[in-house]
N, C-alpha and C. Protein backbone atom coordinates (compact mmCIF):
# COMPACT_ATOMS: atom_id res chain seq x y z
N MET A 1 3.07 8.05 -11.38
CA MET A 1 3.28 8.41 -9.75
C MET A 1 3.74 8.41 -9.50
N ARG A 2 5.14 9.41 -8.57
CA ARG A 2 5.13 9.50 -7.65
C ARG A 2 5.02 9.76 -6.05
N ILE A 3 5.75 8.32 -4.41
CA ILE A 3 5.02 8.60 -3.82
C ILE A 3 6.36 9.10 -3.64
N SER A 4 6.43 8.94 -1.33
CA SER A 4 6.89 9.09 -0.58
C SER A 4 7.80 7.65 -0.14
N HIS A 5 9.25 8.60 0.01
CA HIS A 5 10.00 6.66 0.94
C HIS A 5 9.25 5.99 1.52
N ASP A 6 8.38 7.48 2.73
CA ASP A 6 7.56 6.02 3.44
C ASP A 6 6.19 5.73 2.61
N ASP A 7 6.01 6.00 2.01
CA ASP A 7 4.75 4.74 1.79
C ASP A 7 5.34 4.20 0.85
N ALA A 8 6.17 4.21 0.27
CA ALA A 8 7.05 2.90 -0.93
C ALA A 8 7.40 1.77 0.47
N LEU A 9 7.91 2.40 1.28
CA LEU A 9 7.99 1.95 1.68
C LEU A 9 7.10 0.21 2.76
N THR A 10 6.14 1.34 3.30
CA THR A 10 5.02 0.36 4.07
C THR A 10 4.81 -0.81 2.79
N LEU A 11 4.49 -0.63 1.67
CA LEU A 11 4.90 -1.24 0.21
C LEU A 11 5.05 -2.40 0.68
N GLU A 12 7.16 -1.66 0.32
CA GLU A 12 8.09 -3.03 0.11
C GLU A 12 7.71 -4.12 1.50
N ILE A 13 7.75 -3.03 2.94
CA ILE A 13 6.97 -4.07 4.01
C ILE A 13 5.51 -5.26 3.51
N LEU A 14 4.93 -4.83 2.84
CA LEU A 14 3.74 -5.34 2.77
C LEU A 14 3.90 -6.33 1.84
N VAL A 15 4.43 -5.68 0.65
CA VAL A 15 5.00 -7.69 -0.17
C VAL A 15 5.84 -8.29 0.60
N ARG A 16 7.11 -7.53 0.83
CA ARG A 16 7.95 -8.97 1.95
C ARG A 16 7.50 -9.80 2.55
N LYS A 17 6.04 -9.44 3.29
CA LYS A 17 5.12 -9.46 4.32
C LYS A 17 4.61 -11.25 2.87
N VAL A 18 4.00 -10.78 1.99
CA VAL A 18 3.29 -12.13 1.55
C VAL A 18 4.13 -12.87 0.98
N HIS A 19 4.98 -12.04 -0.03
CA HIS A 19 6.31 -13.59 -0.09
C HIS A 19 7.38 -13.88 1.15
N ASN A 20 7.50 -13.84 2.17
CA ASN A 20 8.37 -14.03 2.74
C ASN A 20 9.75 -13.81 2.30
N CYS A 21 10.26 -13.19 2.04
CA CYS A 21 11.26 -12.63 1.79
C CYS A 21 12.43 -10.76 2.40
N GLU A 22 13.18 -10.96 1.59
CA GLU A 22 13.43 -9.34 2.06
C GLU A 22 13.91 -8.93 0.88
N ARG A 23 14.22 -7.60 2.07
CA ARG A 23 14.22 -6.92 0.33
C ARG A 23 15.11 -7.86 -1.04
N PHE A 24 14.68 -6.10 -1.37
CA PHE A 24 15.06 -7.13 -3.38
C PHE A 24 14.58 -8.24 -3.32
N GLY A 25 13.53 -8.50 -3.01
CA GLY A 25 13.24 -10.12 -4.26
C GLY A 25 13.24 -9.85 -5.04
N MET A 26 12.37 -11.51 -5.45
CA MET A 26 12.19 -10.63 -6.73
C MET A 26 12.39 -9.88 -7.55
N GLY A 27 13.63 -10.33 -8.39
CA GLY A 27 14.76 -10.04 -9.07
C GLY A 27 14.76 -8.92 -9.62
N MET A 28 14.75 -8.35 -7.78
CA MET A 28 15.03 -6.90 -6.81
C MET A 28 13.89 -6.05 -7.35
N TYR A 29 12.93 -6.08 -7.06
CA TYR A 29 11.65 -5.50 -7.55
C TYR A 29 11.09 -4.98 -6.40
N ILE A 30 11.06 -6.22 -5.04
CA ILE A 30 10.63 -6.13 -4.03
C ILE A 30 11.53 -5.12 -3.80
N ASP A 31 11.92 -4.19 -3.45
CA ASP A 31 12.39 -2.54 -3.62
C ASP A 31 11.56 -1.46 -2.81
N ALA A 32 11.10 -0.13 -2.00
CA ALA A 32 10.54 1.30 -1.81
C ALA A 32 11.41 1.78 -2.69
N ASP A 33 12.82 1.85 -3.06
CA ASP A 33 13.31 2.57 -4.20
C ASP A 33 12.51 2.34 -5.13
N HIS A 34 12.52 0.97 -6.19
CA HIS A 34 11.36 1.48 -7.17
C HIS A 34 9.82 1.70 -7.38
N PHE A 35 8.95 0.67 -5.80
CA PHE A 35 7.98 1.33 -5.45
C PHE A 35 7.38 2.96 -5.46
N GLU A 36 9.08 4.20 -5.89
CA GLU A 36 8.41 4.84 -4.49
C GLU A 36 7.91 5.53 -6.51
N THR A 37 8.44 4.83 -8.05
CA THR A 37 7.67 5.53 -8.56
C THR A 37 6.52 4.45 -9.73
N ASN A 38 6.85 3.43 -9.19
CA ASN A 38 5.40 2.91 -9.47
C ASN A 38 4.97 1.55 -8.38
N PRO A 39 3.91 2.70 -7.66
CA PRO A 39 3.52 1.62 -6.58
C PRO A 39 2.65 0.60 -7.16
N PHE A 40 2.35 0.37 -8.64
CA PHE A 40 1.06 -0.10 -9.01
C PHE A 40 1.80 -1.92 -8.98
N ASP A 41 3.29 -1.81 -8.90
CA ASP A 41 4.24 -2.82 -9.15
C ASP A 41 3.20 -3.80 -8.06
N ALA A 42 4.09 -2.46 -6.74
CA ALA A 42 3.83 -3.80 -5.27
C ALA A 42 2.23 -4.26 -5.19
N ALA A 43 1.41 -3.50 -6.15
CA ALA A 43 -0.48 -4.44 -5.58
C ALA A 43 -0.04 -5.98 -6.36
N LEU A 44 0.77 -5.39 -7.78
CA LEU A 44 0.69 -6.56 -9.10
C LEU A 44 1.68 -7.96 -8.38
N ILE A 45 2.38 -7.54 -7.78
CA ILE A 45 3.60 -8.26 -6.68
C ILE A 45 3.03 -8.86 -5.72
N ALA A 46 2.36 -8.64 -4.62
CA ALA A 46 1.26 -8.96 -3.44
C ALA A 46 -0.08 -9.93 -4.11
N LEU A 47 -0.75 -9.45 -5.02
CA LEU A 47 -1.64 -9.96 -5.19
C LEU A 47 -0.74 -11.62 -6.16
N SER A 48 -0.44 -11.46 -6.96
CA SER A 48 0.29 -12.71 -7.85
C SER A 48 -0.12 -13.58 -7.25
N PRO A 49 0.58 -14.15 -5.66
CA PRO A 49 0.43 -15.25 -5.48
C PRO A 49 -1.12 -16.29 -4.76
N ILE A 50 -1.56 -15.17 -4.67
CA ILE A 50 -3.07 -15.56 -3.93
C ILE A 50 -4.44 -14.52 -4.90
N TRP A 51 -4.64 -14.55 -5.55
CA TRP A 51 -5.44 -14.07 -6.29
C TRP A 51 -6.55 -15.11 -6.85
N LYS A 52 -6.12 -15.85 -7.20
CA LYS A 52 -7.38 -17.34 -7.58
C LYS A 52 -8.02 -17.27 -6.29
N THR A 53 -7.50 -17.37 -4.80
CA THR A 53 -8.33 -17.46 -3.82
C THR A 53 -9.04 -16.18 -3.00
N MET A 54 -9.11 -16.04 -4.41
CA MET A 54 -10.23 -14.33 -4.34
C MET A 54 -11.68 -13.90 -5.00
N PRO A 55 -12.92 -14.33 -4.70
CA PRO A 55 -13.23 -13.05 -5.89
C PRO A 55 -12.77 -12.75 -6.96
N LYS A 56 -12.44 -13.32 -7.70
CA LYS A 56 -12.65 -12.47 -9.11
C LYS A 56 -12.98 -10.71 -9.77
N GLU A 57 -13.94 -10.21 -9.18
CA GLU A 57 -14.94 -9.35 -9.20
C GLU A 57 -14.11 -8.20 -8.42
N THR A 58 -13.56 -8.82 -7.39
CA THR A 58 -13.23 -7.93 -6.03
C THR A 58 -11.51 -7.68 -6.62
N VAL A 59 -11.30 -8.64 -7.43
CA VAL A 59 -9.65 -8.25 -7.23
C VAL A 59 -9.44 -7.00 -8.63
N GLU A 60 -9.86 -8.00 -9.59
CA GLU A 60 -10.14 -7.64 -10.73
C GLU A 60 -10.77 -5.73 -9.97
N ASP A 61 -11.52 -5.47 -9.89
CA ASP A 61 -12.10 -4.01 -9.52
C ASP A 61 -10.68 -3.42 -9.00
N PHE A 62 -10.54 -3.14 -8.16
CA PHE A 62 -8.89 -2.59 -7.15
C PHE A 62 -7.66 -2.52 -8.39
N LEU A 63 -7.59 -3.72 -8.89
CA LEU A 63 -6.32 -3.04 -9.98
C LEU A 63 -7.26 -2.44 -11.43
N TYR A 64 -8.57 -2.15 -11.41
CA TYR A 64 -8.70 -1.93 -12.78
C TYR A 64 -8.72 -0.21 -11.99
N ARG A 65 -8.98 -0.23 -10.83
CA ARG A 65 -9.49 1.52 -10.39
C ARG A 65 -7.61 1.79 -10.53
N TRP A 66 -7.33 1.51 -9.54
CA TRP A 66 -5.50 1.72 -9.45
C TRP A 66 -4.71 1.38 -10.31
N ASP A 67 -5.44 0.67 -11.34
CA ASP A 67 -3.52 0.66 -12.37
C ASP A 67 -4.32 2.53 -12.96
N CYS A 68 -5.48 2.25 -13.03
CA CYS A 68 -6.32 4.02 -14.32
C CYS A 68 -5.46 5.07 -12.16
N SER A 69 -5.78 5.64 -11.84
CA SER A 69 -5.72 6.03 -11.31
C SER A 69 -4.18 6.31 -10.73
N LEU A 70 -3.20 5.39 -10.66
CA LEU A 70 -1.88 5.47 -10.40
C LEU A 70 -1.15 6.01 -11.31
N ARG A 71 -1.04 5.78 -12.79
CA ARG A 71 -0.41 5.70 -14.27
C ARG A 71 -0.73 6.94 -14.25
N LYS A 72 -2.45 7.42 -13.85
CA LYS A 72 -2.52 8.45 -15.18
C LYS A 72 -2.12 9.68 -14.24
N GLU A 73 -2.56 9.47 -12.85
CA GLU A 73 -3.02 10.82 -12.56
C GLU A 73 -2.56 10.86 -10.56
N ASP A 74 -1.95 12.85 -10.32
CA ASP A 74 -1.23 13.25 -10.05
C ASP A 74 -1.32 12.92 -8.92
N ASP A 75 -2.49 12.81 -8.51
CA ASP A 75 -3.59 12.82 -7.31
C ASP A 75 -4.19 12.12 -6.88
N ALA A 76 -4.26 10.87 -6.90
CA ALA A 76 -4.63 9.47 -5.54
C ALA A 76 -4.43 9.42 -4.73
N ASN A 77 -4.54 8.97 -4.33
CA ASN A 77 -5.51 8.79 -3.05
C ASN A 77 -4.28 7.50 -2.20
N ILE A 78 -2.74 7.69 -1.98
CA ILE A 78 -2.28 6.86 -1.44
C ILE A 78 -2.04 5.80 -0.68
N SER A 79 -2.95 7.02 0.53
CA SER A 79 -3.33 6.11 1.78
C SER A 79 -4.10 4.57 0.88
N GLN A 80 -5.17 5.56 0.09
CA GLN A 80 -6.15 4.61 0.47
C GLN A 80 -6.20 3.18 -0.26
N PHE A 81 -5.13 3.59 -1.23
CA PHE A 81 -4.45 2.44 -1.95
C PHE A 81 -4.47 1.59 -1.53
N ILE A 82 -2.89 1.82 -0.35
CA ILE A 82 -2.79 1.16 1.21
C ILE A 82 -2.94 0.79 2.36
N GLN A 83 -3.79 1.25 2.46
CA GLN A 83 -5.24 0.46 3.32
C GLN A 83 -6.01 -0.73 2.37
N GLU A 84 -6.34 -0.58 0.92
CA GLU A 84 -7.36 -1.47 0.59
C GLU A 84 -6.24 -2.94 -0.03
N LEU A 85 -4.51 -2.48 -0.08
CA LEU A 85 -4.09 -2.94 -0.83
C LEU A 85 -4.50 -4.32 0.40
N LYS A 86 -3.63 -3.58 1.77
CA LYS A 86 -3.65 -4.43 3.02
C LYS A 86 -4.58 -5.62 3.37
N GLU A 87 -6.04 -4.85 3.16
CA GLU A 87 -6.90 -5.86 3.45
C GLU A 87 -7.26 -6.79 2.83
N LEU A 88 -6.85 -6.56 0.79
CA LEU A 88 -7.03 -7.63 0.14
C LEU A 88 -6.09 -8.71 0.44
N VAL A 89 -4.65 -8.70 0.56
CA VAL A 89 -3.68 -9.51 0.64
C VAL A 89 -4.04 -10.49 2.05
N ASN A 90 -4.70 -9.40 3.31
CA ASN A 90 -5.11 -10.20 5.03
C ASN A 90 -6.83 -11.11 3.62
N TYR A 91 -7.21 -10.55 3.36
CA TYR A 91 -8.40 -11.27 2.27
C TYR A 91 -8.65 -13.38 3.67
């Protein structure tokens, strides 16, 4: 699924905050241009350092729902995805 650059930039800022890094961190994956076509990668990267500190069911439910939605649907609610991801990383 392709998302707007503004939404991708929001994801980049969120992921950079979690990892305390600059643009192009983590092998150049932390970048809005990448997230435009791969928004689910933002969730995987953002949750990777903190998933063990969260309830397993919460993380698994989020990842399963949004993996299916973002990878298979053209009309996924990206605003809802971003909001839920923000809530998880601020857990």
